[in-house]
Protein backbone atom coordinates (compact mmCIF):
# COMPACT_ATOMS: atom_id res chain seq x y z
CA MET A 1 -45.60 -25.27 -67.73
CA VAL A 2 -43.30 -27.66 -69.54
CA ARG A 3 -40.63 -27.03 -66.93
CA LEU A 4 -43.09 -28.04 -64.20
CA PHE A 5 -43.80 -31.35 -65.92
CA LYS A 6 -40.10 -31.94 -66.44
CA TYR A 7 -39.35 -31.42 -62.75
CA PHE A 8 -42.29 -33.60 -61.79
CA PHE A 9 -41.00 -36.34 -64.09
CA TYR A 10 -37.52 -36.07 -62.54
CA LEU A 11 -39.07 -36.29 -59.09
CA LEU A 12 -40.99 -39.43 -60.05
CA VAL A 13 -37.87 -41.06 -61.45
CA LEU A 14 -35.86 -40.23 -58.33
CA ALA A 15 -38.67 -41.51 -56.09
CA GLY A 16 -38.76 -44.77 -58.06
CA ILE A 17 -34.99 -45.20 -57.76
CA ALA A 18 -35.15 -44.47 -54.04
CA PHE A 19 -37.99 -46.96 -53.57
CA VAL A 20 -36.08 -49.74 -55.35
CA ALA A 21 -32.86 -48.91 -53.50
CA PHE A 22 -34.67 -49.01 -50.15
CA ALA A 23 -36.14 -52.41 -51.06
CA TYR A 24 -32.61 -53.74 -51.62
CA VAL A 25 -30.84 -52.16 -48.65
CA GLY A 26 -33.75 -52.06 -46.21
CA GLU A 27 -32.55 -55.17 -44.40
CA MET A 28 -29.36 -53.36 -43.40
CA PHE A 29 -31.49 -50.80 -41.57
CA GLY A 30 -33.61 -53.43 -39.81
CA PHE A 31 -36.63 -53.50 -42.12
CA ASP A 32 -37.91 -56.95 -43.03
CA PHE A 33 -40.00 -57.13 -46.18
CA SER A 34 -40.50 -60.90 -46.20
CA THR A 35 -44.01 -62.23 -46.03
CA GLY A 36 -45.19 -64.50 -43.27
CA VAL A 37 -46.15 -68.02 -44.29
CA HIS A 38 -49.41 -69.27 -42.82
CA ALA A 39 -51.25 -72.48 -43.58
CA ILE A 40 -54.94 -71.89 -44.22
CA GLU A 41 -57.28 -74.86 -44.07
CA LEU A 42 -60.90 -74.44 -45.09
CA PRO A 43 -63.48 -77.20 -44.80
CA LEU A 44 -65.06 -78.09 -48.10
CA ASP A 45 -68.42 -79.85 -48.24
CA LEU A 46 -69.36 -81.27 -51.64
CA ASP A 47 -73.05 -82.16 -51.80
CA ILE A 48 -72.67 -84.98 -54.28
CA LYS A 49 -75.45 -87.56 -54.33
């Protein structure tokens, strides 16, 4: 049972390293992780008397 948890932990660590590595080199493979910038304007009505 301990061996199962050890392998699961190793798998999680490797998945984390792969995720971070893909975030850094993803642009070389054509993946764009940048967010789009949009201006949002909402009307605001203050009922001040």
